[in-house]
Amino acid sequence: AALVCYPLVPDKNGDPMPFPTLYWLCDPDAKVEISKLEYAGWIQRFKERLEGDAELRERNREASEAYARARWGLLREDDRAV
């Protein structure tokens, strides 16, 4: 399971700052399995695959843009002005 987090949180002064992720993985078993993949070097493998595959880079760019739109869509109007 994952939580959808509000894109901004207050800093120590109460000013809004970006929360680092929109989706927060909260299933303990899934977190363990993801950690194993990260430890085994899969992040680097994905980066290397992106470097060598133009179609995959384009799909990743599109996914990144969709993620940015989702974050923006969750912001309240007053937070969008920040």
PDB file of N, CA and C in Angstrom:
ATOM      1  N   ALA A   1       0.844  -1.186   0.000  1.00  0.00           N
ATOM      2  CA  ALA A   1       0.000   0.000   0.000  1.00  0.00           C
ATOM      3  C   ALA A   1       0.883   1.241   0.000  1.00  0.00           C
ATOM      4  N   ALA A   2       0.342   2.300  -0.545  1.00  0.00           N
ATOM      5  CA  ALA A   2       1.070   3.563  -0.602  1.00  0.00           C
ATOM      6  C   ALA A   2       0.119   4.696  -0.239  1.00  0.00           C
ATOM      7  N   LEU A   3       0.667   5.715   0.358  1.00  0.00           N
ATOM      8  CA  LEU A   3      -0.081   6.928   0.661  1.00  0.00           C
ATOM      9  C   LEU A   3       0.245   7.972  -0.394  1.00  0.00           C
ATOM     10  N   VAL A   4      -0.722   8.804  -0.708  1.00  0.00           N
ATOM     11  CA  VAL A   4      -0.475   9.955  -1.567  1.00  0.00           C
ATOM     12  C   VAL A   4      -0.267  11.135  -0.623  1.00  0.00           C
ATOM     13  N   CYS A   5       0.902  11.763  -0.713  1.00  0.00           N
ATOM     14  CA  CYS A   5       1.271  12.843   0.200  1.00  0.00           C
ATOM     15  C   CYS A   5       1.073  14.197  -0.457  1.00  0.00           C
ATOM     16  N   TYR A   6       0.723  15.177   0.358  1.00  0.00           N
ATOM     17  CA  TYR A   6       0.603  16.537  -0.147  1.00  0.00           C
ATOM     18  C   TYR A   6       1.993  17.002  -0.569  1.00  0.00           C
ATOM     19  N   PRO A   7       2.120  17.682  -1.707  1.00  0.00           N
ATOM     20  CA  PRO A   7       3.441  18.019  -2.246  1.00  0.00           C
ATOM     21  C   PRO A   7       4.267  19.017  -1.436  1.00  0.00           C
ATOM     22  N   LEU A   8       3.662  19.711  -0.484  1.00  0.00           N
ATOM     23  CA  LEU A   8       4.408  20.678   0.312  1.00  0.00           C
ATOM     24  C   LEU A   8       4.258  20.367   1.797  1.00  0.00           C
ATOM     25  N   VAL A   9       5.308  20.646   2.547  1.00  0.00           N
ATOM     26  CA  VAL A   9       5.284  20.547   4.004  1.00  0.00           C
ATOM     27  C   VAL A   9       5.927  21.807   4.564  1.00  0.00           C
ATOM     28  N   PRO A  10       5.613  22.160   5.803  1.00  0.00           N
ATOM     29  CA  PRO A  10       6.251  23.345   6.375  1.00  0.00           C
ATOM     30  C   PRO A  10       7.694  23.060   6.780  1.00  0.00           C
ATOM     31  N   ASP A  11       8.573  24.026   6.543  1.00  0.00           N
ATOM     32  CA  ASP A  11       9.951  23.900   7.028  1.00  0.00           C
ATOM     33  C   ASP A  11       9.983  24.345   8.491  1.00  0.00           C
ATOM     34  N   LYS A  12      11.168  24.452   9.058  1.00  0.00           N
ATOM     35  CA  LYS A  12      11.281  24.787  10.483  1.00  0.00           C
ATOM     36  C   LYS A  12      10.752  26.178  10.816  1.00  0.00           C
ATOM     37  N   ASN A  13      10.640  27.037   9.793  1.00  0.00           N
ATOM     38  CA  ASN A  13      10.092  28.380   9.993  1.00  0.00           C
ATOM     39  C   ASN A  13       8.606  28.461   9.645  1.00  0.00           C
ATOM     40  N   GLY A  14       8.043  27.343   9.221  1.00  0.00           N
ATOM     41  CA  GLY A  14       6.639  27.322   8.834  1.00  0.00           C
ATOM     42  C   GLY A  14       6.387  27.656   7.377  1.00  0.00           C
ATOM     43  N   ASP A  15       7.451  27.901   6.626  1.00  0.00           N
ATOM     44  CA  ASP A  15       7.314  28.196   5.200  1.00  0.00           C
ATOM     45  C   ASP A  15       7.184  26.897   4.409  1.00  0.00           C
ATOM     46  N   PRO A  16       6.402  26.913   3.329  1.00  0.00           N
ATOM     47  CA  PRO A  16       6.241  25.680   2.551  1.00  0.00           C
ATOM     48  C   PRO A  16       7.510  25.291   1.807  1.00  0.00           C
ATOM     49  N   MET A  17       7.785  24.015   1.820  1.00  0.00           N
ATOM     50  CA  MET A  17       8.896  23.463   1.039  1.00  0.00           C
ATOM     51  C   MET A  17       8.422  22.157   0.421  1.00  0.00           C
ATOM     52  N   PRO A  18       8.990  21.764  -0.703  1.00  0.00           N
ATOM     53  CA  PRO A  18       8.532  20.532  -1.360  1.00  0.00           C
ATOM     54  C   PRO A  18       8.766  19.295  -0.500  1.00  0.00           C
ATOM     55  N   PHE A  19       7.769  18.429  -0.456  1.00  0.00           N
ATOM     56  CA  PHE A  19       7.934  17.112   0.138  1.00  0.00           C
ATOM     57  C   PHE A  19       8.605  16.261  -0.930  1.00  0.00           C
ATOM     58  N   PRO A  20       9.582  15.447  -0.567  1.00  0.00           N
ATOM     59  CA  PRO A  20      10.401  14.783  -1.598  1.00  0.00           C
ATOM     60  C   PRO A  20       9.685  13.762  -2.475  1.00  0.00           C
ATOM     61  N   THR A  21       8.543  13.274  -2.064  1.00  0.00           N
ATOM     62  CA  THR A  21       7.866  12.271  -2.881  1.00  0.00           C
ATOM     63  C   THR A  21       6.358  12.449  -2.790  1.00  0.00           C
ATOM     64  N   LEU A  22       5.677  12.071  -3.835  1.00  0.00           N
ATOM     65  CA  LEU A  22       4.224  12.138  -3.838  1.00  0.00           C
ATOM     66  C   LEU A  22       3.633  10.858  -3.257  1.00  0.00           C
ATOM     67  N   TYR A  23       4.275   9.738  -3.556  1.00  0.00           N
ATOM     68  CA  TYR A  23       3.773   8.442  -3.098  1.00  0.00           C
ATOM     69  C   TYR A  23       4.703   7.896  -2.021  1.00  0.00           C
ATOM     70  N   TRP A  24       4.138   7.565  -0.887  1.00  0.00           N
ATOM     71  CA  TRP A  24       4.922   7.074   0.245  1.00  0.00           C
ATOM     72  C   TRP A  24       4.567   5.612   0.463  1.00  0.00           C
ATOM     73  N   LEU A  25       5.522   4.733   0.194  1.00  0.00           N
ATOM     74  CA  LEU A  25       5.314   3.301   0.352  1.00  0.00           C
ATOM     75  C   LEU A  25       5.201   2.971   1.834  1.00  0.00           C
ATOM     76  N   CYS A  26       4.105   2.348   2.243  1.00  0.00           N
ATOM     77  CA  CYS A  26       3.914   2.088   3.669  1.00  0.00           C
ATOM     78  C   CYS A  26       3.719   0.606   3.983  1.00  0.00           C
ATOM     79  N   ASP A  27       3.760  -0.248   3.003  1.00  0.00           N
ATOM     80  CA  ASP A  27       3.673  -1.685   3.246  1.00  0.00           C
ATOM     81  C   ASP A  27       5.052  -2.191   3.659  1.00  0.00           C
ATOM     82  N   PRO A  28       5.193  -2.713   4.871  1.00  0.00           N
ATOM     83  CA  PRO A  28       6.525  -3.108   5.350  1.00  0.00           C
ATOM     84  C   PRO A  28       7.191  -4.178   4.488  1.00  0.00           C
ATOM     85  N   ASP A  29       6.433  -5.134   3.993  1.00  0.00           N
ATOM     86  CA  ASP A  29       7.022  -6.180   3.152  1.00  0.00           C
ATOM     87  C   ASP A  29       7.503  -5.607   1.819  1.00  0.00           C
ATOM     88  N   ALA A  30       6.714  -4.724   1.244  1.00  0.00           N
ATOM     89  CA  ALA A  30       7.114  -4.092  -0.022  1.00  0.00           C
ATOM     90  C   ALA A  30       8.363  -3.244   0.187  1.00  0.00           C
ATOM     91  N   LYS A  31       8.436  -2.533   1.313  1.00  0.00           N
ATOM     92  CA  LYS A  31       9.623  -1.715   1.586  1.00  0.00           C
ATOM     93  C   LYS A  31      10.879  -2.582   1.674  1.00  0.00           C
ATOM     94  N   VAL A  32      10.772  -3.735   2.285  1.00  0.00           N
ATOM     95  CA  VAL A  32      11.918  -4.649   2.389  1.00  0.00           C
ATOM     96  C   VAL A  32      12.355  -5.107   1.002  1.00  0.00           C
ATOM     97  N   GLU A  33      11.385  -5.482   0.173  1.00  0.00           N
ATOM     98  CA  GLU A  33      11.716  -5.980  -1.170  1.00  0.00           C
ATOM     99  C   GLU A  33      12.308  -4.874  -2.045  1.00  0.00           C
ATOM    100  N   ILE A  34      11.776  -3.669  -1.974  1.00  0.00           N
ATOM    101  CA  ILE A  34      12.330  -2.542  -2.732  1.00  0.00           C
ATOM    102  C   ILE A  34      13.748  -2.241  -2.256  1.00  0.00           C
ATOM    103  N   SER A  35      13.956  -2.285  -0.955  1.00  0.00           N
ATOM    104  CA  SER A  35      15.299  -2.045  -0.407  1.00  0.00           C
ATOM    105  C   SER A  35      16.297  -3.068  -0.931  1.00  0.00           C
ATOM    106  N   LYS A  36      15.884  -4.300  -1.052  1.00  0.00           N
ATOM    107  CA  LYS A  36      16.764  -5.349  -1.589  1.00  0.00           C
ATOM    108  C   LYS A  36      17.151  -5.023  -3.031  1.00  0.00           C
ATOM    109  N   LEU A  37      16.185  -4.585  -3.829  1.00  0.00           N
ATOM    110  CA  LEU A  37      16.472  -4.228  -5.220  1.00  0.00           C
ATOM    111  C   LEU A  37      17.445  -3.058  -5.296  1.00  0.00           C
ATOM    112  N   GLU A  38      17.212  -2.046  -4.468  1.00  0.00           N
ATOM    113  CA  GLU A  38      18.111  -0.887  -4.455  1.00  0.00           C
ATOM    114  C   GLU A  38      19.519  -1.305  -4.038  1.00  0.00           C
ATOM    115  N   TYR A  39      19.623  -2.129  -3.001  1.00  0.00           N
ATOM    116  CA  TYR A  39      20.924  -2.579  -2.511  1.00  0.00           C
ATOM    117  C   TYR A  39      21.655  -3.411  -3.571  1.00  0.00           C
ATOM    118  N   ALA A  40      20.889  -4.143  -4.367  1.00  0.00           N
ATOM    119  CA  ALA A  40      21.478  -5.003  -5.396  1.00  0.00           C
ATOM    120  C   ALA A  40      21.906  -4.216  -6.638  1.00  0.00           C
ATOM    121  N   GLY A  41      21.699  -2.892  -6.622  1.00  0.00           N
ATOM    122  CA  GLY A  41      22.185  -2.077  -7.731  1.00  0.00           C
ATOM    123  C   GLY A  41      21.201  -1.826  -8.855  1.00  0.00           C
ATOM    124  N   TRP A  42      19.936  -2.081  -8.639  1.00  0.00           N
ATOM    125  CA  TRP A  42      18.969  -1.929  -9.723  1.00  0.00           C
ATOM    126  C   TRP A  42      18.758  -0.487 -10.145  1.00  0.00           C
ATOM    127  N   ILE A  43      18.952   0.473  -9.265  1.00  0.00           N
ATOM    128  CA  ILE A  43      18.813   1.877  -9.672  1.00  0.00           C
ATOM    129  C   ILE A  43      19.853   2.202 -10.745  1.00  0.00           C
ATOM    130  N   GLN A  44      21.086   1.790 -10.517  1.00  0.00           N
ATOM    131  CA  GLN A  44      22.143   2.024 -11.502  1.00  0.00           C
ATOM    132  C   GLN A  44      21.853   1.278 -12.803  1.00  0.00           C
ATOM    133  N   ARG A  45      21.343   0.073 -12.702  1.00  0.00           N
ATOM    134  CA  ARG A  45      21.001  -0.691 -13.909  1.00  0.00           C
ATOM    135  C   ARG A  45      19.936   0.033 -14.723  1.00  0.00           C
ATOM    136  N   PHE A  46      18.932   0.574 -14.038  1.00  0.00           N
ATOM    137  CA  PHE A  46      17.897   1.329 -14.755  1.00  0.00           C
ATOM    138  C   PHE A  46      18.479   2.576 -15.408  1.00  0.00           C
ATOM    139  N   LYS A  47      19.373   3.255 -14.710  1.00  0.00           N
ATOM    140  CA  LYS A  47      20.013   4.446 -15.288  1.00  0.00           C
ATOM    141  C   LYS A  47      20.783   4.069 -16.546  1.00  0.00           C
ATOM    142  N   GLU A  48      21.525   2.993 -16.483  1.00  0.00           N
ATOM    143  CA  GLU A  48      22.299   2.545 -17.638  1.00  0.00           C
ATOM    144  C   GLU A  48      21.384   2.153 -18.800  1.00  0.00           C
ATOM    145  N   ARG A  49      20.283   1.507 -18.487  1.00  0.00           N
ATOM    146  CA  ARG A  49      19.337   1.121 -19.535  1.00  0.00           C
ATOM    147  C   ARG A  49      18.734   2.366 -20.190  1.00  0.00           C
ATOM    148  N   LEU A  50      18.419   3.374 -19.377  1.00  0.00           N
ATOM    149  CA  LEU A  50      17.887   4.628 -19.925  1.00  0.00           C
ATOM    150  C   LEU A  50      18.881   5.277 -20.887  1.00  0.00           C
ATOM    151  N   GLU A  51      20.157   5.254 -20.504  1.00  0.00           N
ATOM    152  CA  GLU A  51      21.191   5.870 -21.348  1.00  0.00           C
ATOM    153  C   GLU A  51      21.259   5.231 -22.723  1.00  0.00           C
ATOM    154  N   GLY A  52      20.984   3.944 -22.789  1.00  0.00           N
ATOM    155  CA  GLY A  52      21.140   3.226 -24.049  1.00  0.00           C
ATOM    156  C   GLY A  52      19.861   3.007 -24.837  1.00  0.00           C
ATOM    157  N   ASP A  53      18.744   3.558 -24.376  1.00  0.00           N
ATOM    158  CA  ASP A  53      17.464   3.260 -25.023  1.00  0.00           C
ATOM    159  C   ASP A  53      16.646   4.540 -25.162  1.00  0.00           C
ATOM    160  N   ALA A  54      16.643   5.101 -26.370  1.00  0.00           N
ATOM    161  CA  ALA A  54      15.963   6.374 -26.622  1.00  0.00           C
ATOM    162  C   ALA A  54      14.456   6.270 -26.371  1.00  0.00           C
ATOM    163  N   GLU A  55      13.848   5.164 -26.757  1.00  0.00           N
ATOM    164  CA  GLU A  55      12.408   4.995 -26.540  1.00  0.00           C
ATOM    165  C   GLU A  55      12.088   4.951 -25.051  1.00  0.00           C
ATOM    166  N   LEU A  56      12.899   4.257 -24.300  1.00  0.00           N
ATOM    167  CA  LEU A  56      12.694   4.183 -22.856  1.00  0.00           C
ATOM    168  C   LEU A  56      12.895   5.551 -22.208  1.00  0.00           C
ATOM    169  N   ARG A  57      13.884   6.308 -22.687  1.00  0.00           N
ATOM    170  CA  ARG A  57      14.086   7.675 -22.175  1.00  0.00           C
ATOM    171  C   ARG A  57      12.854   8.533 -22.423  1.00  0.00           C
ATOM    172  N   GLU A  58      12.266   8.403 -23.593  1.00  0.00           N
ATOM    173  CA  GLU A  58      11.065   9.175 -23.916  1.00  0.00           C
ATOM    174  C   GLU A  58       9.907   8.772 -23.005  1.00  0.00           C
ATOM    175  N   ARG A  59       9.735   7.499 -22.795  1.00  0.00           N
ATOM    176  CA  ARG A  59       8.667   7.034 -21.890  1.00  0.00           C
ATOM    177  C   ARG A  59       8.928   7.516 -20.472  1.00  0.00           C
ATOM    178  N   ASN A  60      10.172   7.537 -20.053  1.00  0.00           N
ATOM    179  CA  ASN A  60      10.515   8.022 -18.727  1.00  0.00           C
ATOM    180  C   ASN A  60      10.245   9.528 -18.616  1.00  0.00           C
ATOM    181  N   ARG A  61      10.559  10.275 -19.672  1.00  0.00           N
ATOM    182  CA  ARG A  61      10.276  11.710 -19.687  1.00  0.00           C
ATOM    183  C   ARG A  61       8.780  11.956 -19.569  1.00  0.00           C
ATOM    184  N   GLU A  62       7.987  11.189 -20.317  1.00  0.00           N
ATOM    185  CA  GLU A  62       6.534  11.328 -20.253  1.00  0.00           C
ATOM    186  C   GLU A  62       6.009  10.991 -18.858  1.00  0.00           C
ATOM    187  N   ALA A  63       6.553   9.955 -18.250  1.00  0.00           N
ATOM    188  CA  ALA A  63       6.135   9.587 -16.890  1.00  0.00           C
ATOM    189  C   ALA A  63       6.515  10.674 -15.893  1.00  0.00           C
ATOM    190  N   SER A  64       7.671  11.281 -16.075  1.00  0.00           N
ATOM    191  CA  SER A  64       8.101  12.364 -15.189  1.00  0.00           C
ATOM    192  C   SER A  64       7.185  13.572 -15.322  1.00  0.00           C
ATOM    193  N   GLU A  65       6.788  13.885 -16.537  1.00  0.00           N
ATOM    194  CA  GLU A  65       5.868  14.992 -16.749  1.00  0.00           C
ATOM    195  C   GLU A  65       4.504  14.702 -16.130  1.00  0.00           C
ATOM    196  N   ALA A  66       4.031  13.468 -16.245  1.00  0.00           N
ATOM    197  CA  ALA A  66       2.751  13.082 -15.632  1.00  0.00           C
ATOM    198  C   ALA A  66       2.837  13.185 -14.114  1.00  0.00           C
ATOM    199  N   TYR A  67       3.969  12.800 -13.561  1.00  0.00           N
ATOM    200  CA  TYR A  67       4.190  12.898 -12.114  1.00  0.00           C
ATOM    201  C   TYR A  67       4.154  14.364 -11.676  1.00  0.00           C
ATOM    202  N   ALA A  68       4.797  15.243 -12.432  1.00  0.00           N
ATOM    203  CA  ALA A  68       4.798  16.675 -12.110  1.00  0.00           C
ATOM    204  C   ALA A  68       3.375  17.238 -12.185  1.00  0.00           C
ATOM    205  N   ARG A  69       2.611  16.819 -13.195  1.00  0.00           N
ATOM    206  CA  ARG A  69       1.228  17.285 -13.305  1.00  0.00           C
ATOM    207  C   ARG A  69       0.391  16.795 -12.125  1.00  0.00           C
ATOM    208  N   ALA A  70       0.627  15.564 -11.694  1.00  0.00           N
ATOM    209  CA  ALA A  70      -0.110  15.025 -10.542  1.00  0.00           C
ATOM    210  C   ALA A  70       0.209  15.827  -9.279  1.00  0.00           C
ATOM    211  N   ARG A  71       1.485  16.138  -9.063  1.00  0.00           N
ATOM    212  CA  ARG A  71       1.873  16.956  -7.899  1.00  0.00           C
ATOM    213  C   ARG A  71       1.210  18.325  -7.961  1.00  0.00           C
ATOM    214  N   TRP A  72       1.282  18.961  -9.137  1.00  0.00           N
ATOM    215  CA  TRP A  72       0.700  20.288  -9.316  1.00  0.00           C
ATOM    216  C   TRP A  72      -0.812  20.234  -9.070  1.00  0.00           C
ATOM    217  N   GLY A  73      -1.446  19.182  -9.546  1.00  0.00           N
ATOM    218  CA  GLY A  73      -2.888  19.040  -9.396  1.00  0.00           C
ATOM    219  C   GLY A  73      -3.356  18.902  -7.959  1.00  0.00           C
ATOM    220  N   LEU A  74      -2.493  18.457  -7.087  1.00  0.00           N
ATOM    221  CA  LEU A  74      -2.852  18.313  -5.679  1.00  0.00           C
ATOM    222  C   LEU A  74      -2.696  19.610  -4.886  1.00  0.00           C
ATOM    223  N   LEU A  75      -1.959  20.559  -5.433  1.00  0.00           N
ATOM    224  CA  LEU A  75      -1.721  21.809  -4.703  1.00  0.00           C
ATOM    225  C   LEU A  75      -2.986  22.659  -4.604  1.00  0.00           C
ATOM    226  N   ARG A  76      -3.170  23.279  -3.439  1.00  0.00           N
ATOM    227  CA  ARG A  76      -4.232  24.265  -3.282  1.00  0.00           C
ATOM    228  C   ARG A  76      -3.822  25.521  -4.055  1.00  0.00           C
ATOM    229  N   GLU A  77      -4.786  26.330  -4.417  1.00  0.00           N
ATOM    230  CA  GLU A  77      -4.513  27.541  -5.196  1.00  0.00           C
ATOM    231  C   GLU A  77      -3.484  28.435  -4.507  1.00  0.00           C
ATOM    232  N   ASP A  78      -3.624  28.632  -3.198  1.00  0.00           N
ATOM    233  CA  ASP A  78      -2.686  29.521  -2.502  1.00  0.00           C
ATOM    234  C   ASP A  78      -1.284  28.948  -2.486  1.00  0.00           C
ATOM    235  N   ASP A  79      -1.143  27.623  -2.483  1.00  0.00           N
ATOM    236  CA  ASP A  79       0.188  27.013  -2.522  1.00  0.00           C
ATOM    237  C   ASP A  79       0.811  27.103  -3.919  1.00  0.00           C
ATOM    238  N   ARG A  80      -0.010  27.165  -4.939  1.00  0.00           N
ATOM    239  CA  ARG A  80       0.517  27.283  -6.300  1.00  0.00           C
ATOM    240  C   ARG A  80       1.216  28.615  -6.517  1.00  0.00           C
ATOM    241  N   ALA A  81       0.860  29.610  -5.726  1.00  0.00           N
ATOM    242  CA  ALA A  81       1.466  30.936  -5.845  1.00  0.00           C
ATOM    243  C   ALA A  81       2.859  30.983  -5.233  1.00  0.00           C
ATOM    244  N   VAL A  82       3.200  29.983  -4.439  1.00  0.00           N
ATOM    245  CA  VAL A  82       4.506  29.955  -3.772  1.00  0.00           C
ATOM    246  C   VAL A  82       5.508  29.633  -4.778  1.00  0.00           C
TER     247      VAL A  82
END
